[in-house]
Amino acid sequence: MPLTRVYLIRHADVLNPKRVLYGHLDNFPLSPRGRRQAELLGQRLRDAGLARIVHSPLQRARETAELIAAQLPRPVPLIEEPELREAEFGRYLQGVPPWQVPFRRPLWLVHKARRGLLPGDETIAAMGGRVLEVARRYAREHPAEVTALVSHADPLQAAWILLEGRPHSEVEMYRRNVARAGVLEVDFDPEGQQVVGVAYTPPPEVPVGTPGTPEPDVPKPAL
């Protein structure tokens, strides 16, 4: 029997002219660059045999899913899944420019020192685990089929740590990044029970000059 594949996809580039951390805020659509990234990714996945696309409720993830689906040879269902949402701590940071985080959102230092200690924060295990539980559920329920999940940077990077058995640390969270419109390919055994392979594919190349807004980086404390 063939393997069961799940693609873990980070949403594409976001229109963010004020360069704030958007967290769980809505009304942050894809930029022209992001729309092109998603279209090119859909073309790349055209022959992958996608049976469905499951996405975070946030606008940027939903738009990425829609644009990927539009490139496929036949319609596939688009399914909203709350467990693919952005990191919960993003609610505390949202709406603030990155350079203002240390003094306007001082609990960020506690979050960086030890994730999950504060109310409303998640450990790496919890954040990555909710993404992987969705992946495992679809792998179990749809063996030998191909599913795409569209989520966000921190949850996907936490999932990658869990998949590879790396230490649950801030260093590991950012040592290997899932870029915008990047893809983690996760293969399960034919019954959808065990992970048998993980590979990362960088995002498609977008022509130089396509308008986009660089995603802001939250300042990182010394670790």
C-alpha atoms as a PDB file:
ATOM      1  CA  MET A   1       0.000   0.000   0.000  1.00  0.00           C
ATOM      2  CA  PRO A   2       1.214   3.565  -0.646  1.00  0.00           C
ATOM      3  CA  LEU A   3       2.208   5.864   2.177  1.00  0.00           C
ATOM      4  CA  THR A   4      -0.167   8.477   3.569  1.00  0.00           C
ATOM      5  CA  ARG A   5       1.218  11.980   3.058  1.00  0.00           C
ATOM      6  CA  VAL A   6       0.303  15.169   4.922  1.00  0.00           C
ATOM      7  CA  TYR A   7       1.705  18.522   3.828  1.00  0.00           C
ATOM      8  CA  LEU A   8       2.165  21.040   6.649  1.00  0.00           C
ATOM      9  CA  ILE A   9       2.136  24.451   4.946  1.00  0.00           C
ATOM     10  CA  ARG A  10       2.841  27.866   6.392  1.00  0.00           C
ATOM     11  CA  HIS A  11       0.595  30.630   5.058  1.00  0.00           C
ATOM     12  CA  ALA A  12       2.077  32.920   2.400  1.00  0.00           C
ATOM     13  CA  ASP A  13       3.338  36.519   2.720  1.00  0.00           C
ATOM     14  CA  VAL A  14       0.968  38.961   4.479  1.00  0.00           C
ATOM     15  CA  LEU A  15       0.010  42.541   3.659  1.00  0.00           C
ATOM     16  CA  ASN A  16       1.283  44.382   6.732  1.00  0.00           C
ATOM     17  CA  PRO A  17       2.240  47.984   5.850  1.00  0.00           C
ATOM     18  CA  LYS A  18       2.488  49.112   9.492  1.00  0.00           C
ATOM     19  CA  ARG A  19       4.747  46.142  10.299  1.00  0.00           C
ATOM     20  CA  VAL A  20       2.974  45.086  13.470  1.00  0.00           C
ATOM     21  CA  LEU A  21       2.693  41.619  14.960  1.00  0.00           C
ATOM     22  CA  TYR A  22      -0.692  40.450  13.742  1.00  0.00           C
ATOM     23  CA  GLY A  23      -1.150  37.387  15.962  1.00  0.00           C
ATOM     24  CA  HIS A  24      -4.827  36.397  15.878  1.00  0.00           C
ATOM     25  CA  LEU A  25      -6.051  39.665  14.333  1.00  0.00           C
ATOM     26  CA  ASP A  26      -8.173  39.381  11.227  1.00  0.00           C
ATOM     27  CA  ASN A  27      -8.038  41.778   8.265  1.00  0.00           C
ATOM     28  CA  PHE A  28      -4.466  40.846   7.436  1.00  0.00           C
ATOM     29  CA  PRO A  29      -4.836  39.449   3.907  1.00  0.00           C
ATOM     30  CA  LEU A  30      -2.079  38.113   1.724  1.00  0.00           C
ATOM     31  CA  SER A  31       0.126  40.640  -0.053  1.00  0.00           C
ATOM     32  CA  PRO A  32       0.492  40.507  -3.854  1.00  0.00           C
ATOM     33  CA  ARG A  33       3.701  38.588  -3.229  1.00  0.00           C
ATOM     34  CA  GLY A  34       1.872  36.196  -0.915  1.00  0.00           C
ATOM     35  CA  ARG A  35      -0.888  35.596  -3.425  1.00  0.00           C
ATOM     36  CA  ARG A  36       1.703  34.740  -6.046  1.00  0.00           C
ATOM     37  CA  GLN A  37       3.524  32.460  -3.598  1.00  0.00           C
ATOM     38  CA  ALA A  38       0.303  30.573  -2.905  1.00  0.00           C
ATOM     39  CA  GLU A  39      -0.530  30.278  -6.608  1.00  0.00           C
ATOM     40  CA  LEU A  40       2.919  28.931  -7.411  1.00  0.00           C
ATOM     41  CA  LEU A  41       2.714  26.514  -4.509  1.00  0.00           C
ATOM     42  CA  GLY A  42      -0.641  25.304  -5.825  1.00  0.00           C
ATOM     43  CA  GLN A  43       0.945  24.727  -9.223  1.00  0.00           C
ATOM     44  CA  ARG A  44       3.766  22.805  -7.568  1.00  0.00           C
ATOM     45  CA  LEU A  45       1.187  20.621  -5.797  1.00  0.00           C
ATOM     46  CA  ARG A  46      -1.009  20.217  -8.858  1.00  0.00           C
ATOM     47  CA  ASP A  47      -0.023  16.611  -9.416  1.00  0.00           C
ATOM     48  CA  ALA A  48       0.395  15.698  -5.736  1.00  0.00           C
ATOM     49  CA  GLY A  49      -3.073  14.148  -5.528  1.00  0.00           C
ATOM     50  CA  LEU A  50      -4.429  16.450  -2.821  1.00  0.00           C
ATOM     51  CA  ALA A  51      -7.774  15.196  -1.540  1.00  0.00           C
ATOM     52  CA  ARG A  52      -8.489  18.098   0.810  1.00  0.00           C
ATOM     53  CA  ILE A  53      -6.987  21.273   2.300  1.00  0.00           C
ATOM     54  CA  VAL A  54      -7.472  21.929   6.013  1.00  0.00           C
ATOM     55  CA  HIS A  55      -6.672  25.429   7.227  1.00  0.00           C
ATOM     56  CA  SER A  56      -6.457  27.682  10.269  1.00  0.00           C
ATOM     57  CA  PRO A  57      -9.462  29.995  10.757  1.00  0.00           C
ATOM     58  CA  LEU A  58      -7.309  33.104  10.232  1.00  0.00           C
ATOM     59  CA  GLN A  59      -7.692  35.040   6.995  1.00  0.00           C
ATOM     60  CA  ARG A  60      -4.117  34.624   5.788  1.00  0.00           C
ATOM     61  CA  ALA A  61      -4.302  30.836   6.116  1.00  0.00           C
ATOM     62  CA  ARG A  62      -7.724  30.625   4.515  1.00  0.00           C
ATOM     63  CA  GLU A  63      -6.613  32.719   1.519  1.00  0.00           C
ATOM     64  CA  THR A  64      -3.505  30.576   1.100  1.00  0.00           C
ATOM     65  CA  ALA A  65      -5.686  27.453   1.055  1.00  0.00           C
ATOM     66  CA  GLU A  66      -8.093  28.979  -1.459  1.00  0.00           C
ATOM     67  CA  LEU A  67      -5.330  30.025  -3.848  1.00  0.00           C
ATOM     68  CA  ILE A  68      -3.646  26.622  -3.669  1.00  0.00           C
ATOM     69  CA  ALA A  69      -6.985  24.923  -4.350  1.00  0.00           C
ATOM     70  CA  ALA A  70      -7.628  27.152  -7.374  1.00  0.00           C
ATOM     71  CA  GLN A  71      -4.544  25.698  -9.090  1.00  0.00           C
ATOM     72  CA  LEU A  72      -5.515  22.055  -8.660  1.00  0.00           C
ATOM     73  CA  PRO A  73      -6.911  19.987 -11.541  1.00  0.00           C
ATOM     74  CA  ARG A  74     -10.165  19.288  -9.685  1.00  0.00           C
ATOM     75  CA  PRO A  75     -12.024  20.885  -6.771  1.00  0.00           C
ATOM     76  CA  VAL A  76     -11.144  19.732  -3.253  1.00  0.00           C
ATOM     77  CA  PRO A  77     -12.914  20.512   0.021  1.00  0.00           C
ATOM     78  CA  LEU A  78     -11.561  23.361   2.151  1.00  0.00           C
ATOM     79  CA  ILE A  79     -11.986  22.583   5.850  1.00  0.00           C
ATOM     80  CA  GLU A  80     -11.515  25.080   8.689  1.00  0.00           C
ATOM     81  CA  GLU A  81      -9.720  23.630  11.717  1.00  0.00           C
ATOM     82  CA  PRO A  82      -9.293  25.663  14.937  1.00  0.00           C
ATOM     83  CA  GLU A  83      -6.369  23.506  16.136  1.00  0.00           C
ATOM     84  CA  LEU A  84      -4.229  24.903  13.290  1.00  0.00           C
ATOM     85  CA  ARG A  85      -4.522  28.421  14.736  1.00  0.00           C
ATOM     86  CA  GLU A  86      -1.617  30.748  15.453  1.00  0.00           C
ATOM     87  CA  ALA A  87       0.349  30.445  18.710  1.00  0.00           C
ATOM     88  CA  GLU A  88      -1.835  31.420  21.655  1.00  0.00           C
ATOM     89  CA  PHE A  89       0.779  33.852  22.969  1.00  0.00           C
ATOM     90  CA  GLY A  90       0.308  35.834  19.757  1.00  0.00           C
ATOM     91  CA  ARG A  91      -2.873  37.268  21.299  1.00  0.00           C
ATOM     92  CA  TYR A  92      -0.762  39.094  23.881  1.00  0.00           C
ATOM     93  CA  LEU A  93       1.718  40.431  21.313  1.00  0.00           C
ATOM     94  CA  GLN A  94      -0.658  41.366  18.499  1.00  0.00           C
ATOM     95  CA  GLY A  95      -0.974  44.925  17.266  1.00  0.00           C
ATOM     96  CA  VAL A  96       2.473  46.021  18.502  1.00  0.00           C
ATOM     97  CA  PRO A  97       5.511  46.823  16.315  1.00  0.00           C
ATOM     98  CA  PRO A  98       8.340  44.381  17.124  1.00  0.00           C
ATOM     99  CA  TRP A  99      10.672  47.064  18.451  1.00  0.00           C
ATOM    100  CA  GLN A 100       8.078  48.022  21.079  1.00  0.00           C
ATOM    101  CA  VAL A 101       7.556  44.500  22.388  1.00  0.00           C
ATOM    102  CA  PRO A 102      10.134  44.546  25.243  1.00  0.00           C
ATOM    103  CA  PHE A 103       8.552  47.550  26.981  1.00  0.00           C
ATOM    104  CA  ARG A 104       4.889  47.293  25.896  1.00  0.00           C
ATOM    105  CA  ARG A 105       4.615  43.524  26.299  1.00  0.00           C
ATOM    106  CA  PRO A 106       7.107  42.754  29.097  1.00  0.00           C
ATOM    107  CA  LEU A 107       5.743  39.244  29.744  1.00  0.00           C
ATOM    108  CA  TRP A 108       7.323  38.332  26.411  1.00  0.00           C
ATOM    109  CA  LEU A 109      10.622  37.890  28.310  1.00  0.00           C
ATOM    110  CA  VAL A 110       9.034  35.218  30.515  1.00  0.00           C
ATOM    111  CA  HIS A 111       7.575  33.541  27.425  1.00  0.00           C
ATOM    112  CA  LYS A 112      10.999  33.409  25.789  1.00  0.00           C
ATOM    113  CA  ALA A 113      12.662  32.106  28.939  1.00  0.00           C
ATOM    114  CA  ARG A 114      10.137  29.317  29.457  1.00  0.00           C
ATOM    115  CA  ARG A 115       7.173  28.725  27.165  1.00  0.00           C
ATOM    116  CA  GLY A 116       4.002  27.592  28.857  1.00  0.00           C
ATOM    117  CA  LEU A 117       4.729  29.181  32.226  1.00  0.00           C
ATOM    118  CA  LEU A 118       2.290  32.072  31.775  1.00  0.00           C
ATOM    119  CA  PRO A 119      -1.509  31.786  31.541  1.00  0.00           C
ATOM    120  CA  GLY A 120      -2.530  31.750  27.884  1.00  0.00           C
ATOM    121  CA  ASP A 121       0.885  30.517  26.733  1.00  0.00           C
ATOM    122  CA  GLU A 122       1.652  27.094  25.257  1.00  0.00           C
ATOM    123  CA  THR A 123       4.595  24.790  25.639  1.00  0.00           C
ATOM    124  CA  ILE A 124       6.353  23.648  22.479  1.00  0.00           C
ATOM    125  CA  ALA A 125       4.888  20.186  23.090  1.00  0.00           C
ATOM    126  CA  ALA A 126       1.328  21.531  23.340  1.00  0.00           C
ATOM    127  CA  MET A 127       1.593  23.866  20.353  1.00  0.00           C
ATOM    128  CA  GLY A 128       3.260  21.394  17.999  1.00  0.00           C
ATOM    129  CA  GLY A 129       1.156  18.570  19.401  1.00  0.00           C
ATOM    130  CA  ARG A 130      -2.155  20.108  18.372  1.00  0.00           C
ATOM    131  CA  VAL A 131      -0.932  20.461  14.783  1.00  0.00           C
ATOM    132  CA  LEU A 132       0.366  16.901  14.688  1.00  0.00           C
ATOM    133  CA  GLU A 133      -2.845  15.541  16.191  1.00  0.00           C
ATOM    134  CA  VAL A 134      -4.756  17.040  13.248  1.00  0.00           C
ATOM    135  CA  ALA A 135      -2.228  15.506  10.849  1.00  0.00           C
ATOM    136  CA  ARG A 136      -2.486  12.094  12.512  1.00  0.00           C
ATOM    137  CA  ARG A 137      -6.279  12.233  12.553  1.00  0.00           C
ATOM    138  CA  TYR A 138      -6.493  12.835   8.822  1.00  0.00           C
ATOM    139  CA  ALA A 139      -3.822  10.214   8.158  1.00  0.00           C
ATOM    140  CA  ARG A 140      -5.783   7.640  10.180  1.00  0.00           C
ATOM    141  CA  GLU A 141      -9.155   8.521   8.707  1.00  0.00           C
ATOM    142  CA  HIS A 142      -7.918   8.791   5.103  1.00  0.00           C
ATOM    143  CA  PRO A 143      -5.132   6.229   4.620  1.00  0.00           C
ATOM    144  CA  ALA A 144      -3.219   6.360   1.327  1.00  0.00           C
ATOM    145  CA  GLU A 145      -4.655   9.831   0.614  1.00  0.00           C
ATOM    146  CA  VAL A 146      -2.911  13.204   0.547  1.00  0.00           C
ATOM    147  CA  THR A 147      -3.984  16.051   2.840  1.00  0.00           C
ATOM    148  CA  ALA A 148      -2.628  19.605   3.138  1.00  0.00           C
ATOM    149  CA  LEU A 149      -2.782  21.551   6.408  1.00  0.00           C
ATOM    150  CA  VAL A 150      -2.232  25.341   6.348  1.00  0.00           C
ATOM    151  CA  SER A 151      -1.056  26.821   9.642  1.00  0.00           C
ATOM    152  CA  HIS A 152       1.414  29.360  11.070  1.00  0.00           C
ATOM    153  CA  ALA A 153       5.118  29.689  11.807  1.00  0.00           C
ATOM    154  CA  ASP A 154       5.435  28.868  15.520  1.00  0.00           C
ATOM    155  CA  PRO A 155       2.998  25.926  15.544  1.00  0.00           C
ATOM    156  CA  LEU A 156       4.688  24.403  12.491  1.00  0.00           C
ATOM    157  CA  GLN A 157       8.187  24.912  13.855  1.00  0.00           C
ATOM    158  CA  ALA A 158       7.099  23.338  17.143  1.00  0.00           C
ATOM    159  CA  ALA A 159       5.644  20.400  15.196  1.00  0.00           C
ATOM    160  CA  TRP A 160       8.950  20.033  13.333  1.00  0.00           C
ATOM    161  CA  ILE A 161      10.803  19.837  16.665  1.00  0.00           C
ATOM    162  CA  LEU A 162       8.461  17.064  17.829  1.00  0.00           C
ATOM    163  CA  LEU A 163       8.750  15.163  14.556  1.00  0.00           C
ATOM    164  CA  GLU A 164      12.546  15.159  14.757  1.00  0.00           C
ATOM    165  CA  GLY A 165      12.796  14.652  18.517  1.00  0.00           C
ATOM    166  CA  ARG A 166      14.842  17.817  19.029  1.00  0.00           C
ATOM    167  CA  PRO A 167      15.169  19.647  22.377  1.00  0.00           C
ATOM    168  CA  HIS A 168      12.208  21.840  23.321  1.00  0.00           C
ATOM    169  CA  SER A 169      14.114  25.126  23.400  1.00  0.00           C
ATOM    170  CA  GLU A 170      13.990  28.616  21.898  1.00  0.00           C
ATOM    171  CA  VAL A 171      17.201  27.890  20.022  1.00  0.00           C
ATOM    172  CA  GLU A 172      15.547  24.942  18.282  1.00  0.00           C
ATOM    173  CA  MET A 173      12.359  26.913  17.605  1.00  0.00           C
ATOM    174  CA  TYR A 174      14.253  29.243  15.289  1.00  0.00           C
ATOM    175  CA  ARG A 175      17.246  27.170  14.201  1.00  0.00           C
ATOM    176  CA  ARG A 176      15.214  25.710  11.342  1.00  0.00           C
ATOM    177  CA  ASN A 177      12.499  27.983   9.988  1.00  0.00           C
ATOM    178  CA  VAL A 178       9.423  27.108   7.992  1.00  0.00           C
ATOM    179  CA  ALA A 179       9.394  30.078   5.606  1.00  0.00           C
ATOM    180  CA  ARG A 180       6.190  31.689   4.372  1.00  0.00           C
ATOM    181  CA  ALA A 181       4.664  29.246   1.847  1.00  0.00           C
ATOM    182  CA  GLY A 182       7.247  26.658   2.925  1.00  0.00           C
ATOM    183  CA  VAL A 183       6.151  23.033   3.302  1.00  0.00           C
ATOM    184  CA  LEU A 184       6.914  20.167   5.666  1.00  0.00           C
ATOM    185  CA  GLU A 185       6.148  16.862   3.946  1.00  0.00           C
ATOM    186  CA  VAL A 186       5.194  14.242   6.534  1.00  0.00           C
ATOM    187  CA  ASP A 187       4.776  10.634   5.441  1.00  0.00           C
ATOM    188  CA  PHE A 188       2.864   8.130   7.588  1.00  0.00           C
ATOM    189  CA  ASP A 189       2.741   4.381   7.225  1.00  0.00           C
ATOM    190  CA  PRO A 190      -0.152   3.040   5.082  1.00  0.00           C
ATOM    191  CA  GLU A 191      -2.472   2.852   8.112  1.00  0.00           C
ATOM    192  CA  GLY A 192      -1.677   6.447   9.109  1.00  0.00           C
ATOM    193  CA  GLN A 193      -0.252   5.436  12.482  1.00  0.00           C
ATOM    194  CA  GLN A 194       3.505   6.065  12.447  1.00  0.00           C
ATOM    195  CA  VAL A 195       5.582   8.857  10.900  1.00  0.00           C
ATOM    196  CA  VAL A 196       8.101   7.295   8.521  1.00  0.00           C
ATOM    197  CA  GLY A 197       9.569  10.400   6.858  1.00  0.00           C
ATOM    198  CA  VAL A 198       9.842  14.184   7.184  1.00  0.00           C
ATOM    199  CA  ALA A 199      11.238  16.583   4.567  1.00  0.00           C
ATOM    200  CA  TYR A 200      11.189  20.359   4.163  1.00  0.00           C
ATOM    201  CA  THR A 201      10.598  22.106   0.837  1.00  0.00           C
ATOM    202  CA  PRO A 202      11.336  25.869   0.614  1.00  0.00           C
ATOM    203  CA  PRO A 203       8.697  28.205  -0.827  1.00  0.00           C
ATOM    204  CA  PRO A 204       8.430  28.832  -4.557  1.00  0.00           C
ATOM    205  CA  GLU A 205      10.582  31.588  -6.026  1.00  0.00           C
ATOM    206  CA  VAL A 206       8.558  34.720  -6.740  1.00  0.00           C
ATOM    207  CA  PRO A 207       9.790  37.094  -9.457  1.00  0.00           C
ATOM    208  CA  VAL A 208      11.859  40.027  -8.208  1.00  0.00           C
ATOM    209  CA  GLY A 209       9.785  43.191  -7.940  1.00  0.00           C
ATOM    210  CA  THR A 210       6.564  41.511  -6.811  1.00  0.00           C
ATOM    211  CA  PRO A 211       5.196  43.798  -4.063  1.00  0.00           C
ATOM    212  CA  GLY A 212       5.270  42.402  -0.560  1.00  0.00           C
ATOM    213  CA  THR A 213       5.796  43.405   3.027  1.00  0.00           C
ATOM    214  CA  PRO A 214       8.654  41.721   4.911  1.00  0.00           C
ATOM    215  CA  GLU A 215       7.285  39.978   7.963  1.00  0.00           C
ATOM    216  CA  PRO A 216       8.447  41.664  11.186  1.00  0.00           C
ATOM    217  CA  ASP A 217      10.744  39.754  13.481  1.00  0.00           C
ATOM    218  CA  VAL A 218      10.136  39.822  17.206  1.00  0.00           C
ATOM    219  CA  PRO A 219      13.383  40.790  18.968  1.00  0.00           C
ATOM    220  CA  LYS A 220      15.052  37.813  20.593  1.00  0.00           C
ATOM    221  CA  PRO A 221      16.638  37.917  24.045  1.00  0.00           C
ATOM    222  CA  ALA A 222      20.092  36.498  24.610  1.00  0.00           C
ATOM    223  CA  LEU A 223      19.773  32.769  25.182  1.00  0.00           C
END
